[in-house]
Protein backbone atom coordinates (compact mmCIF):
# COMPACT_ATOMS: atom_id res chain seq x y z
CA UNK A 1 0.00 0.00 0.00
CA UNK A 2 1.43 3.38 -1.04
CA UNK A 3 1.49 6.25 1.44
CA UNK A 4 1.02 9.71 -0.06
CA UNK A 5 1.66 12.75 2.12
CA UNK A 6 1.12 16.13 0.43
CA UNK A 7 2.06 19.32 2.28
CA UNK A 8 -0.20 21.75 0.38
CA UNK A 9 -3.81 21.77 -0.79
CA UNK A 10 -2.84 21.97 -4.46
CA UNK A 11 -0.52 18.98 -4.10
CA UNK A 12 -3.30 17.05 -2.33
CA UNK A 13 -5.73 17.73 -5.19
CA UNK A 14 -3.13 16.76 -7.78
CA UNK A 15 -2.42 13.47 -6.03
CA UNK A 16 -6.13 12.78 -5.68
CA UNK A 17 -6.56 13.24 -9.43
CA UNK A 18 -3.62 10.97 -10.17
CA UNK A 19 -4.60 8.27 -7.67
CA UNK A 20 -8.40 7.95 -7.43
CA UNK A 21 -7.80 4.61 -5.68
CA UNK A 22 -6.16 6.44 -2.76
CA UNK A 23 -8.21 6.62 0.44
CA UNK A 24 -8.12 10.08 2.05
CA UNK A 25 -6.89 10.02 5.64
CA UNK A 26 -7.79 12.88 7.98
CA UNK A 27 -7.66 12.04 11.69
CA UNK A 28 -7.65 8.31 10.96
CA UNK A 29 -10.14 7.51 13.71
CA UNK A 30 -12.34 5.55 11.28
CA UNK A 31 -9.95 4.66 8.48
CA UNK A 32 -7.26 3.06 10.63
CA UNK A 33 -9.81 0.94 12.48
CA UNK A 34 -11.09 -0.41 9.15
CA UNK A 35 -7.56 -1.12 7.93
CA UNK A 36 -6.51 -2.78 11.20
CA UNK A 37 -9.52 -5.11 11.00
CA UNK A 38 -8.85 -5.72 7.29
CA UNK A 39 -12.22 -4.30 6.29
CA UNK A 40 -10.56 -2.01 3.76
CA UNK A 41 -7.38 -2.42 1.76
CA UNK A 42 -7.01 0.62 -0.55
CA UNK A 43 -4.29 0.95 -3.14
CA UNK A 44 -2.90 3.96 -1.30
CA UNK A 45 -3.49 6.22 1.67
CA UNK A 46 -3.66 9.96 1.03
CA UNK A 47 -2.64 11.53 4.34
CA UNK A 48 -4.06 15.07 4.62
CA UNK A 49 -2.69 15.75 8.09
CA UNK A 50 0.14 17.98 6.83
CA UNK A 51 -2.03 20.23 4.64
CA UNK A 52 -2.20 23.49 6.65
CA UNK A 53 -5.09 24.97 4.65
CA UNK A 54 -7.41 22.23 5.93
CA UNK A 55 -6.87 23.20 9.57
CA UNK A 56 -7.97 26.82 9.12
CA UNK A 57 -11.34 28.35 9.99
CA UNK A 58 -12.85 31.82 9.76
CA UNK A 59 -15.86 33.97 8.87
CA UNK A 60 -17.16 33.81 5.29
CA UNK A 61 -20.13 36.10 4.51
CA UNK A 62 -22.14 35.22 7.63
CA UNK A 63 -20.99 31.62 7.63
CA UNK A 64 -18.19 29.86 9.44
CA UNK A 65 -15.82 28.27 6.95
CA UNK A 66 -14.58 25.25 8.84
CA UNK A 67 -11.60 23.58 7.22
CA UNK A 68 -12.06 19.85 6.74
CA UNK A 69 -9.06 19.16 8.97
CA UNK A 70 -10.15 21.21 11.99
CA UNK A 71 -10.38 18.72 14.89
CA UNK A 72 -13.33 18.41 17.25
CA UNK A 73 -11.21 19.82 20.07
CA UNK A 74 -10.73 23.00 18.03
CA UNK A 75 -14.48 23.37 17.54
CA UNK A 76 -15.10 22.93 21.27
CA UNK A 77 -12.39 25.41 22.22
CA UNK A 78 -12.96 28.10 19.60
CA UNK A 79 -16.42 27.90 18.06
CA UNK A 80 -18.86 27.08 20.85
CA UNK A 81 -20.65 30.42 20.55
CA UNK A 82 -20.93 30.46 16.74
CA UNK A 83 -21.68 26.74 16.28
CA UNK A 84 -23.24 25.60 19.57
CA UNK A 85 -24.94 22.49 18.20
CA UNK A 86 -21.78 21.20 16.54
CA UNK A 87 -19.77 21.98 19.67
CA UNK A 88 -22.25 19.99 21.79
CA UNK A 89 -21.95 17.04 19.43
CA UNK A 90 -18.16 17.35 19.39
CA UNK A 91 -18.03 16.96 23.17
CA UNK A 92 -19.64 13.52 22.86
CA UNK A 93 -17.16 12.20 20.28
CA UNK A 94 -14.87 9.52 21.62
CA UNK A 95 -12.20 10.28 24.18
CA UNK A 96 -10.12 13.48 24.50
CA UNK A 97 -7.48 11.84 22.31
CA UNK A 98 -10.04 11.09 19.60
CA UNK A 99 -11.40 14.65 19.76
CA UNK A 100 -7.87 15.96 19.13
CA UNK A 101 -7.48 13.74 16.05
CA UNK A 102 -11.01 13.37 14.65
CA UNK A 103 -12.42 15.94 12.20
CA UNK A 104 -15.77 16.94 10.77
CA UNK A 105 -14.31 16.49 7.29
CA UNK A 106 -13.43 12.91 8.16
CA UNK A 107 -16.91 12.34 9.56
CA UNK A 108 -18.41 13.58 6.30
CA UNK A 109 -16.04 11.47 4.23
CA UNK A 110 -16.98 8.34 6.16
CA UNK A 111 -20.69 9.24 5.81
CA UNK A 112 -21.67 6.82 8.56
CA UNK A 113 -25.35 7.14 9.50
CA UNK A 114 -24.21 7.27 13.13
CA UNK A 115 -21.69 10.09 12.73
CA UNK A 116 -22.13 12.62 15.53
CA UNK A 117 -21.39 15.70 13.38
CA UNK A 118 -24.15 15.05 10.86
CA UNK A 119 -27.31 16.01 12.82
CA UNK A 120 -26.09 19.50 13.86
CA UNK A 121 -24.78 20.16 10.34
CA UNK A 122 -28.20 19.28 8.94
CA UNK A 123 -30.03 21.39 11.52
CA UNK A 124 -27.81 24.39 10.78
CA UNK A 125 -28.18 24.10 6.99
CA UNK A 126 -24.49 23.53 6.29
CA UNK A 127 -22.90 23.28 2.85
CA UNK A 128 -19.95 21.04 1.98
CA UNK A 129 -17.23 22.63 -0.14
CA UNK A 130 -15.44 20.08 -2.33
CA UNK A 131 -12.73 20.50 -4.94
CA UNK A 132 -10.79 18.73 -7.67
CA UNK A 133 -7.69 19.76 -9.58
CA UNK A 134 -9.42 19.41 -12.93
CA UNK A 135 -12.87 20.91 -12.25
CA UNK A 136 -12.35 23.39 -9.45
CA UNK A 137 -14.61 23.94 -6.46
CA UNK A 138 -18.31 23.24 -5.95
CA UNK A 139 -20.71 23.41 -3.01
CA UNK A 140 -23.10 20.62 -1.98
CA UNK A 141 -25.90 21.18 0.57
CA UNK A 142 -25.18 18.76 3.39
CA UNK A 143 -28.65 17.20 3.08
CA UNK A 144 -27.67 16.14 -0.47
CA UNK A 145 -24.17 14.99 0.45
CA UNK A 146 -25.18 11.62 1.91
CA UNK A 147 -26.14 9.19 -0.85
CA UNK A 148 -26.32 5.87 1.01
CA UNK A 149 -24.88 3.88 3.88
CA UNK A 150 -21.29 5.17 4.16
CA UNK A 151 -21.55 6.72 0.69
CA UNK A 152 -21.30 10.38 -0.26
CA UNK A 153 -21.56 12.66 -3.29
CA UNK A 154 -17.81 13.07 -3.87
CA UNK A 155 -16.48 12.33 -7.34
CA UNK A 156 -13.40 10.06 -7.51
CA UNK A 157 -11.02 13.01 -7.99
CA UNK A 158 -12.56 15.27 -5.31
CA UNK A 159 -11.64 16.05 -1.73
CA UNK A 160 -13.59 17.85 0.99
CA UNK A 161 -12.09 21.30 1.46
CA UNK A 162 -14.34 22.77 4.15
CA UNK A 163 -17.83 22.95 5.61
CA UNK A 164 -19.71 26.25 5.38
CA UNK A 165 -22.00 26.58 8.38
CA UNK A 166 -24.28 29.56 9.08
CA UNK A 167 -23.36 31.14 12.40
CA UNK A 168 -26.14 30.44 14.91
CA UNK A 169 -28.91 33.05 15.01
CA UNK A 170 -30.65 31.26 17.88
CA UNK A 171 -30.22 28.38 20.32
CA UNK A 172 -29.22 24.91 19.17
CA UNK A 173 -29.31 21.53 20.87
CA UNK A 174 -27.84 18.08 20.33
CA UNK A 175 -28.73 14.83 22.04
CA UNK A 176 -27.88 11.19 21.49
CA UNK A 177 -28.70 7.86 23.08
CA UNK A 178 -25.99 5.31 23.79
CA UNK A 179 -24.79 3.01 26.51
CA UNK A 180 -22.94 6.02 27.96
CA UNK A 181 -22.60 9.73 27.17
CA UNK A 182 -19.38 9.57 25.16
CA UNK A 183 -16.95 7.07 23.63
CA UNK A 184 -19.92 5.25 22.14
CA UNK A 185 -21.62 4.90 18.77
CA UNK A 186 -25.05 6.50 18.94
CA UNK A 187 -28.10 4.27 18.99
CA UNK A 188 -29.96 7.36 17.80
CA UNK A 189 -29.19 11.07 17.72
CA UNK A 190 -31.03 14.33 17.16
CA UNK A 191 -30.14 17.98 16.71
CA UNK A 192 -32.31 21.05 16.39
CA UNK A 193 -31.66 24.70 15.65
CA UNK A 194 -33.95 27.68 16.13
CA UNK A 195 -33.66 30.34 13.43
CA UNK A 196 -35.70 33.21 14.92
CA UNK A 197 -34.38 35.68 12.34
CA UNK A 198 -36.38 33.87 9.66
CA UNK A 199 -38.84 32.04 11.95
CA UNK A 200 -37.70 28.57 10.93
CA UNK A 201 -36.67 25.34 12.65
CA UNK A 202 -33.79 23.10 11.63
CA UNK A 203 -33.53 19.40 12.45
CA UNK A 204 -31.06 16.56 12.01
CA UNK A 205 -31.53 12.84 12.67
CA UNK A 206 -28.66 10.39 13.11
CA UNK A 207 -28.34 6.62 13.40
CA UNK A 208 -31.99 6.03 12.51
CA UNK A 209 -32.00 5.73 8.70
CA UNK A 210 -29.64 4.62 5.90
CA UNK A 211 -28.28 8.17 5.85
CA UNK A 212 -28.41 11.13 8.21
CA UNK A 213 -31.52 13.17 7.37
CA UNK A 214 -33.72 16.10 8.30
CA UNK A 215 -37.34 15.97 9.44
CA UNK A 216 -38.78 18.63 7.09
CA UNK A 217 -42.44 18.00 7.92
CA UNK A 218 -41.70 18.44 11.63
CA UNK A 219 -39.79 21.64 10.89
CA UNK A 220 -42.64 23.15 8.87
CA UNK A 221 -45.26 22.04 11.38
CA UNK A 222 -43.57 23.58 14.41
CA UNK A 223 -42.53 26.82 12.69
CA UNK A 224 -46.13 27.29 11.51
CA UNK A 225 -47.62 26.53 14.91
CA UNK A 226 -45.25 28.96 16.61
CA UNK A 227 -46.23 31.62 14.09
CA UNK A 228 -49.98 30.99 14.40
CA UNK A 229 -49.80 31.17 18.20
CA UNK A 230 -47.69 34.34 18.15
CA UNK A 231 -44.94 32.61 20.11
CA UNK A 232 -42.11 33.87 17.92
CA UNK A 233 -43.04 37.37 19.12
CA UNK A 234 -44.29 36.73 22.65
CA UNK A 235 -41.63 34.15 23.58
CA UNK A 236 -44.13 32.53 25.91
CA UNK A 237 -43.52 28.97 27.10
CA UNK A 238 -43.64 26.21 24.53
CA UNK A 239 -46.81 24.15 25.19
CA UNK A 240 -45.98 20.56 26.11
CA UNK A 241 -48.51 19.09 23.61
CA UNK A 242 -46.85 21.08 20.82
CA UNK A 243 -43.39 19.82 21.78
CA UNK A 244 -44.74 16.26 21.92
CA UNK A 245 -46.37 16.60 18.50
CA UNK A 246 -43.07 17.85 17.11
CA UNK A 247 -41.31 14.81 18.59
CA UNK A 248 -43.80 12.46 16.98
CA UNK A 249 -43.20 14.05 13.59
CA UNK A 250 -39.44 13.80 13.99
CA UNK A 251 -39.75 10.07 14.72
CA UNK A 252 -42.03 9.66 11.70
CA UNK A 253 -39.26 11.01 9.47
CA UNK A 254 -36.88 8.21 10.49
CA UNK A 255 -36.59 4.70 9.01
CA UNK A 256 -34.45 2.74 11.48
CA UNK A 257 -33.54 -0.94 11.55
CA UNK A 258 -32.97 -3.50 14.29
CA UNK A 259 -29.29 -4.14 14.98
CA UNK A 260 -26.98 -5.10 17.83
CA UNK A 261 -27.15 -1.59 19.32
CA UNK A 262 -30.92 -1.24 19.46
CA UNK A 263 -34.26 -2.08 17.92
CA UNK A 264 -36.08 0.05 15.37
CA UNK A 265 -38.92 0.56 17.85
CA UNK A 266 -36.54 1.83 20.51
CA UNK A 267 -34.88 4.21 18.05
CA UNK A 268 -38.25 5.68 17.08
CA UNK A 269 -39.26 6.12 20.71
CA UNK A 270 -35.94 7.68 21.67
CA UNK A 271 -36.08 10.11 18.76
CA UNK A 272 -39.52 11.27 19.80
CA UNK A 273 -38.36 11.84 23.38
CA UNK A 274 -35.08 13.53 22.38
CA UNK A 275 -36.81 15.85 19.92
CA UNK A 276 -39.44 16.86 22.49
CA UNK A 277 -36.79 17.59 25.11
CA UNK A 278 -34.30 19.26 22.78
CA UNK A 279 -36.82 21.67 21.28
CA UNK A 280 -38.05 22.58 24.76
CA UNK A 281 -34.49 23.25 25.95
CA UNK A 282 -33.76 25.35 22.86
CA UNK A 283 -37.00 27.32 23.25
CA UNK A 284 -36.26 27.99 26.92
CA UNK A 285 -32.82 29.26 25.94
CA UNK A 286 -34.45 31.60 23.42
CA UNK A 287 -36.83 32.92 26.06
CA UNK A 288 -33.99 33.58 28.50
CA UNK A 289 -32.05 35.45 25.82
CA UNK A 290 -35.01 37.73 25.00
Foldseek 3Di string as FASTA:
>chain_A
DAEAEDQEPLVLQVVLVVCLQEDEDALCPPVVVCVVVVVDDTPYHYYDPNHVLQQDWDDDPQWIWHRQRPFLVNCLVPPCQFQVAQNVLLVQEADPVRRRRDGPQVLLQQQALQRSNFWSLQQQFKWWWKAHNVPGIDIHGSQQQRDFHRDGDDDSSMGTGTMIGRGAPFDKHKDFDAPDRHNGGGCKIKMKGADLVVLWIGIWIGNFARGIHTLVVLGVVLSVVCVVVVCSPVLDQDDLVNLLVSLLSRLVVGHGDDDPGGHNVVRSVVSSVVSSVRVRVRSVRRSVVD
